[in-house]
Amino acid sequence: MTVGIETYIILALAGVLAGVVNAIAGGGTFFTFPVLIWVGLPPLVANTTNMVALLPANLVALAAYRPQLRHLGRKCLGPMILAALGGTLGATMLLVLGAQVFAGLVPYLIGFSTILFATAPRLRRAVLAWGRNTGQSWPILPILVFFAFTVYGGYFGAGLGQIMLAALILIGFDDLHEANTLKNLVVFSVSLVAVVVFGFGGSVSWHFALVMMVSSSIGGYLGGRLALTVPQSALRVAIICFGLFLTSYYALVGI
C-alpha cells in the first residue's frame, strides 16, 4: 500500500482531534478508529494501532493528577490490578478470536460504546445515589461490572473513560476527584497492558501509530487548555451523533 504525505497529515489531524476530545469529554476513539480504517488498515489492526496511538495522551492526562495519586496511595492498587488483568484478557481475546470476528462485531461495539458514552452521566448519578443508600464499598457485583468494563477496554475501548468513571463510583469511590484520578490511572493501565499484548502479537501498524502518538499528545495538551472554554454538552452531543452515524454506516456498508 502506497502512502502519501496527505495520509500522514490526515492521521496527525485525527490524532490532535482525539487528544483534544479526550481531554475535554472523552470519546476520541470515535474519530481515530474510522480514520485508520479509511487509510486501509484491517479493522483489527486499526483497533490495536489506535490503542497504541492514544497511550501517550493517556499518560499526559495522568501526569496532571500526580498530587491526587499520592493522596490515594494504596487505594489505587485494587483498581490497577483489576485493570491490568481485564485489559490483558480483553487484548488476548481480540488476538485469539481474530480479525473476522472483530470485523463482524465493529458496528455493535461502536453502537454499544455510543450508548454507554451517552448514558454515563446518568449512570454516575444513579450509582452515587445507590452508594449513599447502601453505604457499601467494593461489593461483588459492582466489582464484576468494573472488571467486565476493563475487559471491554482491552478489546476495543471506545468511550472507556466515561464508562470507567461511573464504574469506579459504583465500587465505592464516590469522591469525584478521587474517581476521576483513578479513572485516568485505570484507562492508562488497561491501555498499557493491551499495547504490550498487541506488540508481542505483531498486530500494530507502527508507522501510523507513531504519527498519532505525537499528534494525540499535542491534542491532549491543547484540550487541557480548552477544557474551560468549550461547552462539554455540545461536544458530547456531537460525539454521540457521530457514533450513531458510524454504527449505522458500518452496519449497512460493512468494513
C-alpha atoms as a PDB file:
ATOM      1  CA  MET A   1       0.000   0.000   0.000  1.00  0.00           C
ATOM      2  CA  THR A   2       1.441   3.347  -1.109  1.00  0.00           C
ATOM      3  CA  VAL A   3       1.000   6.062   1.493  1.00  0.00           C
ATOM      4  CA  GLY A   4       1.319   9.734   0.575  1.00  0.00           C
ATOM      5  CA  ILE A   5       2.129  12.684   2.782  1.00  0.00           C
ATOM      6  CA  GLU A   6      -1.548  13.666   2.782  1.00  0.00           C
ATOM      7  CA  THR A   7      -2.383  10.409   4.579  1.00  0.00           C
ATOM      8  CA  TYR A   8       0.017  11.233   7.399  1.00  0.00           C
ATOM      9  CA  ILE A   9      -1.387  14.759   7.609  1.00  0.00           C
ATOM     10  CA  ILE A  10      -4.916  13.380   7.994  1.00  0.00           C
ATOM     11  CA  LEU A  11      -3.723  10.904  10.630  1.00  0.00           C
ATOM     12  CA  ALA A  12      -1.962  13.695  12.507  1.00  0.00           C
ATOM     13  CA  LEU A  13      -5.065  15.894  12.439  1.00  0.00           C
ATOM     14  CA  ALA A  14      -7.200  12.986  13.657  1.00  0.00           C
ATOM     15  CA  GLY A  15      -4.723  12.423  16.483  1.00  0.00           C
ATOM     16  CA  VAL A  16      -4.851  16.070  17.534  1.00  0.00           C
ATOM     17  CA  LEU A  17      -8.660  15.999  17.448  1.00  0.00           C
ATOM     18  CA  ALA A  18      -8.770  12.798  19.510  1.00  0.00           C
ATOM     19  CA  GLY A  19      -6.397  14.260  22.089  1.00  0.00           C
ATOM     20  CA  VAL A  20      -8.487  17.415  22.411  1.00  0.00           C
ATOM     21  CA  VAL A  21     -11.759  15.492  22.647  1.00  0.00           C
ATOM     22  CA  ASN A  22     -10.387  13.031  25.212  1.00  0.00           C
ATOM     23  CA  ALA A  23      -9.127  15.880  27.394  1.00  0.00           C
ATOM     24  CA  ILE A  24     -12.483  17.674  27.341  1.00  0.00           C
ATOM     25  CA  ALA A  25     -15.165  14.985  27.251  1.00  0.00           C
ATOM     26  CA  GLY A  26     -13.707  11.610  26.214  1.00  0.00           C
ATOM     27  CA  GLY A  27     -14.564   9.666  23.063  1.00  0.00           C
ATOM     28  CA  GLY A  28     -11.501  10.351  20.902  1.00  0.00           C
ATOM     29  CA  THR A  29     -11.520   6.795  19.525  1.00  0.00           C
ATOM     30  CA  PHE A  30     -14.716   7.629  17.633  1.00  0.00           C
ATOM     31  CA  PHE A  31     -12.541   9.832  15.412  1.00  0.00           C
ATOM     32  CA  THR A  32      -9.235   7.965  15.171  1.00  0.00           C
ATOM     33  CA  PHE A  33     -10.569   4.444  14.591  1.00  0.00           C
ATOM     34  CA  PRO A  34     -12.573   5.250  11.416  1.00  0.00           C
ATOM     35  CA  VAL A  35      -9.644   7.269  10.019  1.00  0.00           C
ATOM     36  CA  LEU A  36      -7.355   4.257  10.454  1.00  0.00           C
ATOM     37  CA  ILE A  37      -9.964   2.128   8.662  1.00  0.00           C
ATOM     38  CA  TRP A  38     -10.158   4.759   5.912  1.00  0.00           C
ATOM     39  CA  VAL A  39      -6.394   4.691   5.270  1.00  0.00           C
ATOM     40  CA  GLY A  40      -6.661   0.978   4.559  1.00  0.00           C
ATOM     41  CA  LEU A  41      -5.861  -0.867   7.780  1.00  0.00           C
ATOM     42  CA  PRO A  42      -7.830  -4.053   8.546  1.00  0.00           C
ATOM     43  CA  PRO A  43     -10.277  -3.493  11.433  1.00  0.00           C
ATOM     44  CA  LEU A  44      -8.281  -5.486  13.978  1.00  0.00           C
ATOM     45  CA  VAL A  45      -5.006  -3.718  13.114  1.00  0.00           C
ATOM     46  CA  ALA A  46      -6.809  -0.353  13.140  1.00  0.00           C
ATOM     47  CA  ASN A  47      -8.062  -1.095  16.645  1.00  0.00           C
ATOM     48  CA  THR A  48      -4.690  -2.154  18.042  1.00  0.00           C
ATOM     49  CA  THR A  49      -2.905   0.733  16.318  1.00  0.00           C
ATOM     50  CA  ASN A  50      -5.457   3.167  17.714  1.00  0.00           C
ATOM     51  CA  MET A  51      -4.887   1.956  21.269  1.00  0.00           C
ATOM     52  CA  VAL A  52      -1.114   2.299  20.882  1.00  0.00           C
ATOM     53  CA  ALA A  53      -1.517   5.745  19.319  1.00  0.00           C
ATOM     54  CA  LEU A  54      -3.564   7.160  22.198  1.00  0.00           C
ATOM     55  CA  LEU A  55      -1.401   5.725  25.003  1.00  0.00           C
ATOM     56  CA  PRO A  56       0.904   8.789  25.367  1.00  0.00           C
ATOM     57  CA  ALA A  57      -2.123  11.088  25.560  1.00  0.00           C
ATOM     58  CA  ASN A  58      -3.426   8.944  28.434  1.00  0.00           C
ATOM     59  CA  LEU A  59      -0.056   9.305  30.161  1.00  0.00           C
ATOM     60  CA  VAL A  60      -0.102  13.089  29.680  1.00  0.00           C
ATOM     61  CA  ALA A  61      -3.561  13.194  31.277  1.00  0.00           C
ATOM     62  CA  LEU A  62      -2.351  11.017  34.153  1.00  0.00           C
ATOM     63  CA  ALA A  63       0.662  13.254  34.847  1.00  0.00           C
ATOM     64  CA  ALA A  64      -1.664  16.123  35.737  1.00  0.00           C
ATOM     65  CA  TYR A  65      -3.071  14.081  38.634  1.00  0.00           C
ATOM     66  CA  ARG A  66       0.171  13.307  40.485  1.00  0.00           C
ATOM     67  CA  PRO A  67      -0.852  15.074  43.737  1.00  0.00           C
ATOM     68  CA  GLN A  68      -4.150  13.183  43.817  1.00  0.00           C
ATOM     69  CA  LEU A  69      -2.384   9.886  43.106  1.00  0.00           C
ATOM     70  CA  ARG A  70      -0.017  10.458  46.027  1.00  0.00           C
ATOM     71  CA  HIS A  71      -3.016  11.175  48.243  1.00  0.00           C
ATOM     72  CA  LEU A  72      -4.811   7.992  47.142  1.00  0.00           C
ATOM     73  CA  GLY A  73      -1.751   5.831  47.795  1.00  0.00           C
ATOM     74  CA  ARG A  74      -2.636   2.158  48.244  1.00  0.00           C
ATOM     75  CA  LYS A  75      -6.251   2.743  47.282  1.00  0.00           C
ATOM     76  CA  CYS A  76      -5.022   2.621  43.674  1.00  0.00           C
ATOM     77  CA  LEU A  77      -3.777  -0.967  43.910  1.00  0.00           C
ATOM     78  CA  GLY A  78      -7.100  -2.809  43.693  1.00  0.00           C
ATOM     79  CA  PRO A  79      -8.437  -0.982  40.625  1.00  0.00           C
ATOM     80  CA  MET A  80      -4.995  -1.142  38.963  1.00  0.00           C
ATOM     81  CA  ILE A  81      -4.709  -4.911  39.408  1.00  0.00           C
ATOM     82  CA  LEU A  82      -8.209  -5.456  38.041  1.00  0.00           C
ATOM     83  CA  ALA A  83      -7.468  -3.086  35.155  1.00  0.00           C
ATOM     84  CA  ALA A  84      -4.266  -4.952  34.263  1.00  0.00           C
ATOM     85  CA  LEU A  85      -5.992  -8.339  34.393  1.00  0.00           C
ATOM     86  CA  GLY A  86      -9.047  -7.172  32.455  1.00  0.00           C
ATOM     87  CA  GLY A  87      -7.022  -5.307  29.851  1.00  0.00           C
ATOM     88  CA  THR A  88      -4.787  -8.336  29.294  1.00  0.00           C
ATOM     89  CA  LEU A  89      -7.795 -10.630  28.950  1.00  0.00           C
ATOM     90  CA  GLY A  90      -9.561  -8.278  26.528  1.00  0.00           C
ATOM     91  CA  ALA A  91      -6.473  -7.790  24.353  1.00  0.00           C
ATOM     92  CA  THR A  92      -5.782 -11.535  24.307  1.00  0.00           C
ATOM     93  CA  MET A  93      -9.389 -12.235  23.320  1.00  0.00           C
ATOM     94  CA  LEU A  94      -9.031  -9.792  20.438  1.00  0.00           C
ATOM     95  CA  LEU A  95      -5.984 -11.594  19.047  1.00  0.00           C
ATOM     96  CA  VAL A  96      -7.292 -15.123  19.720  1.00  0.00           C
ATOM     97  CA  LEU A  97     -10.761 -14.571  18.244  1.00  0.00           C
ATOM     98  CA  GLY A  98      -9.159 -12.936  15.226  1.00  0.00           C
ATOM     99  CA  ALA A  99      -9.871 -10.338  12.585  1.00  0.00           C
ATOM    100  CA  GLN A 100     -13.041 -11.846  11.125  1.00  0.00           C
ATOM    101  CA  VAL A 101     -14.872 -11.939  14.452  1.00  0.00           C
ATOM    102  CA  PHE A 102     -13.766  -8.404  15.318  1.00  0.00           C
ATOM    103  CA  ALA A 103     -14.821  -7.042  11.902  1.00  0.00           C
ATOM    104  CA  GLY A 104     -18.292  -8.510  12.391  1.00  0.00           C
ATOM    105  CA  LEU A 105     -18.553  -7.002  15.868  1.00  0.00           C
ATOM    106  CA  VAL A 106     -17.421  -3.473  14.938  1.00  0.00           C
ATOM    107  CA  PRO A 107     -20.928  -1.987  14.351  1.00  0.00           C
ATOM    108  CA  TYR A 108     -22.155  -3.497  17.619  1.00  0.00           C
ATOM    109  CA  LEU A 109     -19.078  -2.369  19.560  1.00  0.00           C
ATOM    110  CA  ILE A 110     -19.391   1.203  18.308  1.00  0.00           C
ATOM    111  CA  GLY A 111     -23.139   1.190  18.978  1.00  0.00           C
ATOM    112  CA  PHE A 112     -22.616  -0.245  22.469  1.00  0.00           C
ATOM    113  CA  SER A 113     -19.874   2.252  23.295  1.00  0.00           C
ATOM    114  CA  THR A 114     -22.001   5.134  21.978  1.00  0.00           C
ATOM    115  CA  ILE A 115     -24.900   4.120  24.234  1.00  0.00           C
ATOM    116  CA  LEU A 116     -22.600   3.793  27.241  1.00  0.00           C
ATOM    117  CA  PHE A 117     -20.972   7.137  26.456  1.00  0.00           C
ATOM    118  CA  ALA A 118     -24.406   8.785  26.173  1.00  0.00           C
ATOM    119  CA  THR A 119     -25.750   7.284  29.402  1.00  0.00           C
ATOM    120  CA  ALA A 120     -22.579   7.563  31.528  1.00  0.00           C
ATOM    121  CA  PRO A 121     -23.620  10.806  33.312  1.00  0.00           C
ATOM    122  CA  ARG A 122     -26.969   9.304  34.347  1.00  0.00           C
ATOM    123  CA  LEU A 123     -25.242   6.080  35.339  1.00  0.00           C
ATOM    124  CA  ARG A 124     -22.832   8.078  37.515  1.00  0.00           C
ATOM    125  CA  ARG A 125     -25.724   9.805  39.281  1.00  0.00           C
ATOM    126  CA  ALA A 126     -27.527   6.502  39.769  1.00  0.00           C
ATOM    127  CA  VAL A 127     -24.542   4.724  41.291  1.00  0.00           C
ATOM    128  CA  LEU A 128     -23.788   7.705  43.545  1.00  0.00           C
ATOM    129  CA  ALA A 129     -27.335   7.527  44.887  1.00  0.00           C
ATOM    130  CA  TRP A 130     -27.033   3.750  45.266  1.00  0.00           C
ATOM    131  CA  GLY A 131     -23.763   4.116  47.184  1.00  0.00           C
ATOM    132  CA  ARG A 132     -25.280   6.633  49.599  1.00  0.00           C
ATOM    133  CA  ASN A 133     -28.218   4.334  50.289  1.00  0.00           C
ATOM    134  CA  THR A 134     -26.205   1.141  50.820  1.00  0.00           C
ATOM    135  CA  GLY A 135     -23.014   2.510  52.351  1.00  0.00           C
ATOM    136  CA  GLN A 136     -21.168  -0.470  50.849  1.00  0.00           C
ATOM    137  CA  SER A 137     -17.675  -0.433  49.374  1.00  0.00           C
ATOM    138  CA  TRP A 138     -16.430  -2.965  46.791  1.00  0.00           C
ATOM    139  CA  PRO A 139     -19.431  -5.347  46.814  1.00  0.00           C
ATOM    140  CA  ILE A 140     -19.029  -8.337  44.483  1.00  0.00           C
ATOM    141  CA  LEU A 141     -21.494  -7.413  41.724  1.00  0.00           C
ATOM    142  CA  PRO A 142     -20.096  -3.892  41.121  1.00  0.00           C
ATOM    143  CA  ILE A 143     -16.566  -5.356  41.099  1.00  0.00           C
ATOM    144  CA  LEU A 144     -17.612  -7.813  38.392  1.00  0.00           C
ATOM    145  CA  VAL A 145     -19.153  -4.953  36.385  1.00  0.00           C
ATOM    146  CA  PHE A 146     -15.945  -2.954  36.770  1.00  0.00           C
ATOM    147  CA  PHE A 147     -13.859  -5.937  35.641  1.00  0.00           C
ATOM    148  CA  ALA A 148     -16.120  -6.510  32.632  1.00  0.00           C
ATOM    149  CA  PHE A 149     -15.562  -2.902  31.543  1.00  0.00           C
ATOM    150  CA  THR A 150     -11.778  -3.350  31.798  1.00  0.00           C
ATOM    151  CA  VAL A 151     -12.051  -6.429  29.552  1.00  0.00           C
ATOM    152  CA  TYR A 152     -14.059  -4.337  27.098  1.00  0.00           C
ATOM    153  CA  GLY A 153     -11.331  -1.685  27.301  1.00  0.00           C
ATOM    154  CA  GLY A 154      -8.659  -4.186  26.328  1.00  0.00           C
ATOM    155  CA  TYR A 155     -10.781  -5.493  23.458  1.00  0.00           C
ATOM    156  CA  PHE A 156     -11.990  -2.201  21.950  1.00  0.00           C
ATOM    157  CA  GLY A 157     -12.094   0.669  24.428  1.00  0.00           C
ATOM    158  CA  ALA A 158     -14.108   3.457  22.787  1.00  0.00           C
ATOM    159  CA  GLY A 159     -15.650   5.711  25.439  1.00  0.00           C
ATOM    160  CA  LEU A 160     -13.815   3.811  28.192  1.00  0.00           C
ATOM    161  CA  GLY A 161     -13.038   6.901  30.275  1.00  0.00           C
ATOM    162  CA  GLN A 162     -16.673   7.917  30.726  1.00  0.00           C
ATOM    163  CA  ILE A 163     -17.754   4.327  31.412  1.00  0.00           C
ATOM    164  CA  MET A 164     -14.946   3.738  33.893  1.00  0.00           C
ATOM    165  CA  LEU A 165     -15.760   6.868  35.881  1.00  0.00           C
ATOM    166  CA  ALA A 166     -19.236   5.500  36.574  1.00  0.00           C
ATOM    167  CA  ALA A 167     -17.826   2.038  37.347  1.00  0.00           C
ATOM    168  CA  LEU A 168     -15.365   3.437  39.903  1.00  0.00           C
ATOM    169  CA  ILE A 169     -18.154   5.277  41.674  1.00  0.00           C
ATOM    170  CA  LEU A 170     -20.091   2.006  41.621  1.00  0.00           C
ATOM    171  CA  ILE A 171     -17.346   0.160  43.538  1.00  0.00           C
ATOM    172  CA  GLY A 172     -17.111   2.789  46.238  1.00  0.00           C
ATOM    173  CA  PHE A 173     -15.004   5.753  45.049  1.00  0.00           C
ATOM    174  CA  ASP A 174     -17.789   8.295  45.439  1.00  0.00           C
ATOM    175  CA  ASP A 175     -15.465  11.297  45.761  1.00  0.00           C
ATOM    176  CA  LEU A 176     -15.476  12.638  42.196  1.00  0.00           C
ATOM    177  CA  HIS A 177     -11.912  13.957  42.410  1.00  0.00           C
ATOM    178  CA  GLU A 178     -10.661  10.546  43.525  1.00  0.00           C
ATOM    179  CA  ALA A 179     -12.808   8.764  40.952  1.00  0.00           C
ATOM    180  CA  ASN A 180     -11.603  10.988  38.125  1.00  0.00           C
ATOM    181  CA  THR A 181      -7.964  10.495  39.128  1.00  0.00           C
ATOM    182  CA  LEU A 182      -8.397   6.733  39.318  1.00  0.00           C
ATOM    183  CA  LYS A 183     -10.269   6.757  36.017  1.00  0.00           C
ATOM    184  CA  ASN A 184      -7.194   8.139  34.271  1.00  0.00           C
ATOM    185  CA  LEU A 185      -4.969   5.593  36.022  1.00  0.00           C
ATOM    186  CA  VAL A 186      -7.254   2.689  35.121  1.00  0.00           C
ATOM    187  CA  VAL A 187      -7.589   3.747  31.479  1.00  0.00           C
ATOM    188  CA  PHE A 188      -3.810   4.074  31.228  1.00  0.00           C
ATOM    189  CA  SER A 189      -3.299   0.666  32.893  1.00  0.00           C
ATOM    190  CA  VAL A 190      -5.772  -1.065  30.580  1.00  0.00           C
ATOM    191  CA  SER A 191      -4.217   0.594  27.539  1.00  0.00           C
ATOM    192  CA  LEU A 192      -0.649  -0.174  28.627  1.00  0.00           C
ATOM    193  CA  VAL A 193      -1.143  -3.917  29.124  1.00  0.00           C
ATOM    194  CA  ALA A 194      -3.180  -4.122  25.916  1.00  0.00           C
ATOM    195  CA  VAL A 195      -0.392  -2.384  23.996  1.00  0.00           C
ATOM    196  CA  VAL A 196       2.146  -4.889  25.382  1.00  0.00           C
ATOM    197  CA  VAL A 197      -0.053  -7.790  24.248  1.00  0.00           C
ATOM    198  CA  PHE A 198      -0.586  -6.231  20.817  1.00  0.00           C
ATOM    199  CA  GLY A 199       3.135  -5.509  20.464  1.00  0.00           C
ATOM    200  CA  PHE A 200       4.028  -9.146  21.062  1.00  0.00           C
ATOM    201  CA  GLY A 201       1.180 -10.178  18.764  1.00  0.00           C
ATOM    202  CA  GLY A 202       2.670  -8.158  15.902  1.00  0.00           C
ATOM    203  CA  SER A 203      -0.666  -6.559  15.051  1.00  0.00           C
ATOM    204  CA  VAL A 204       0.279  -2.866  15.226  1.00  0.00           C
ATOM    205  CA  SER A 205       0.940  -0.551  12.271  1.00  0.00           C
ATOM    206  CA  TRP A 206       3.791   1.281  13.964  1.00  0.00           C
ATOM    207  CA  HIS A 207       4.432   3.980  11.354  1.00  0.00           C
ATOM    208  CA  PHE A 208       0.806   5.145  11.618  1.00  0.00           C
ATOM    209  CA  ALA A 209       0.810   4.734  15.395  1.00  0.00           C
ATOM    210  CA  LEU A 210       3.895   6.912  15.871  1.00  0.00           C
ATOM    211  CA  VAL A 211       2.349   9.805  13.932  1.00  0.00           C
ATOM    212  CA  MET A 212      -0.788   9.673  16.045  1.00  0.00           C
ATOM    213  CA  MET A 213       1.129   9.201  19.291  1.00  0.00           C
ATOM    214  CA  VAL A 214       2.796  12.571  18.814  1.00  0.00           C
ATOM    215  CA  SER A 215      -0.280  14.369  17.497  1.00  0.00           C
ATOM    216  CA  SER A 216      -2.666  12.992  20.153  1.00  0.00           C
ATOM    217  CA  SER A 217      -0.270  14.150  22.882  1.00  0.00           C
ATOM    218  CA  ILE A 218      -0.306  17.641  21.370  1.00  0.00           C
ATOM    219  CA  GLY A 219      -4.094  17.446  21.238  1.00  0.00           C
ATOM    220  CA  GLY A 220      -4.235  16.360  24.876  1.00  0.00           C
ATOM    221  CA  TYR A 221      -2.243  19.433  25.893  1.00  0.00           C
ATOM    222  CA  LEU A 222      -4.431  21.729  23.781  1.00  0.00           C
ATOM    223  CA  GLY A 223      -7.565  20.072  25.129  1.00  0.00           C
ATOM    224  CA  GLY A 224      -6.460  20.771  28.668  1.00  0.00           C
ATOM    225  CA  ARG A 225      -6.191  24.455  27.771  1.00  0.00           C
ATOM    226  CA  LEU A 226      -9.572  24.451  26.001  1.00  0.00           C
ATOM    227  CA  ALA A 227     -11.452  22.442  28.615  1.00  0.00           C
ATOM    228  CA  LEU A 228     -12.726  25.532  30.415  1.00  0.00           C
ATOM    229  CA  THR A 229     -13.927  27.299  27.252  1.00  0.00           C
ATOM    230  CA  VAL A 230     -15.545  24.563  25.129  1.00  0.00           C
ATOM    231  CA  PRO A 231     -19.098  23.589  26.199  1.00  0.00           C
ATOM    232  CA  GLN A 232     -18.874  19.891  27.070  1.00  0.00           C
ATOM    233  CA  SER A 233     -22.576  19.278  26.484  1.00  0.00           C
ATOM    234  CA  ALA A 234     -22.364  20.367  22.838  1.00  0.00           C
ATOM    235  CA  LEU A 235     -19.238  18.284  22.279  1.00  0.00           C
ATOM    236  CA  ARG A 236     -20.862  15.220  23.856  1.00  0.00           C
ATOM    237  CA  VAL A 237     -23.889  15.561  21.579  1.00  0.00           C
ATOM    238  CA  ALA A 238     -21.608  15.798  18.537  1.00  0.00           C
ATOM    239  CA  ILE A 239     -19.666  12.683  19.608  1.00  0.00           C
ATOM    240  CA  ILE A 240     -22.870  10.723  20.229  1.00  0.00           C
ATOM    241  CA  CYS A 241     -24.287  11.712  16.831  1.00  0.00           C
ATOM    242  CA  PHE A 242     -21.039  10.736  15.121  1.00  0.00           C
ATOM    243  CA  GLY A 243     -21.007   7.412  16.982  1.00  0.00           C
ATOM    244  CA  LEU A 244     -24.559   6.668  15.833  1.00  0.00           C
ATOM    245  CA  PHE A 245     -23.597   7.581  12.269  1.00  0.00           C
ATOM    246  CA  LEU A 246     -20.602   5.212  12.364  1.00  0.00           C
ATOM    247  CA  THR A 247     -22.749   2.429  13.804  1.00  0.00           C
ATOM    248  CA  SER A 248     -25.294   2.794  11.003  1.00  0.00           C
ATOM    249  CA  TYR A 249     -22.640   3.145   8.305  1.00  0.00           C
ATOM    250  CA  TYR A 250     -20.626   0.068   9.292  1.00  0.00           C
ATOM    251  CA  ALA A 251     -23.807  -1.969   9.833  1.00  0.00           C
ATOM    252  CA  LEU A 252     -25.140  -1.136   6.350  1.00  0.00           C
ATOM    253  CA  VAL A 253     -21.955  -0.899   4.287  1.00  0.00           C
ATOM    254  CA  GLY A 254     -19.587  -3.124   6.244  1.00  0.00           C
ATOM    255  CA  ILE A 255     -15.840  -2.670   6.606  1.00  0.00           C
END
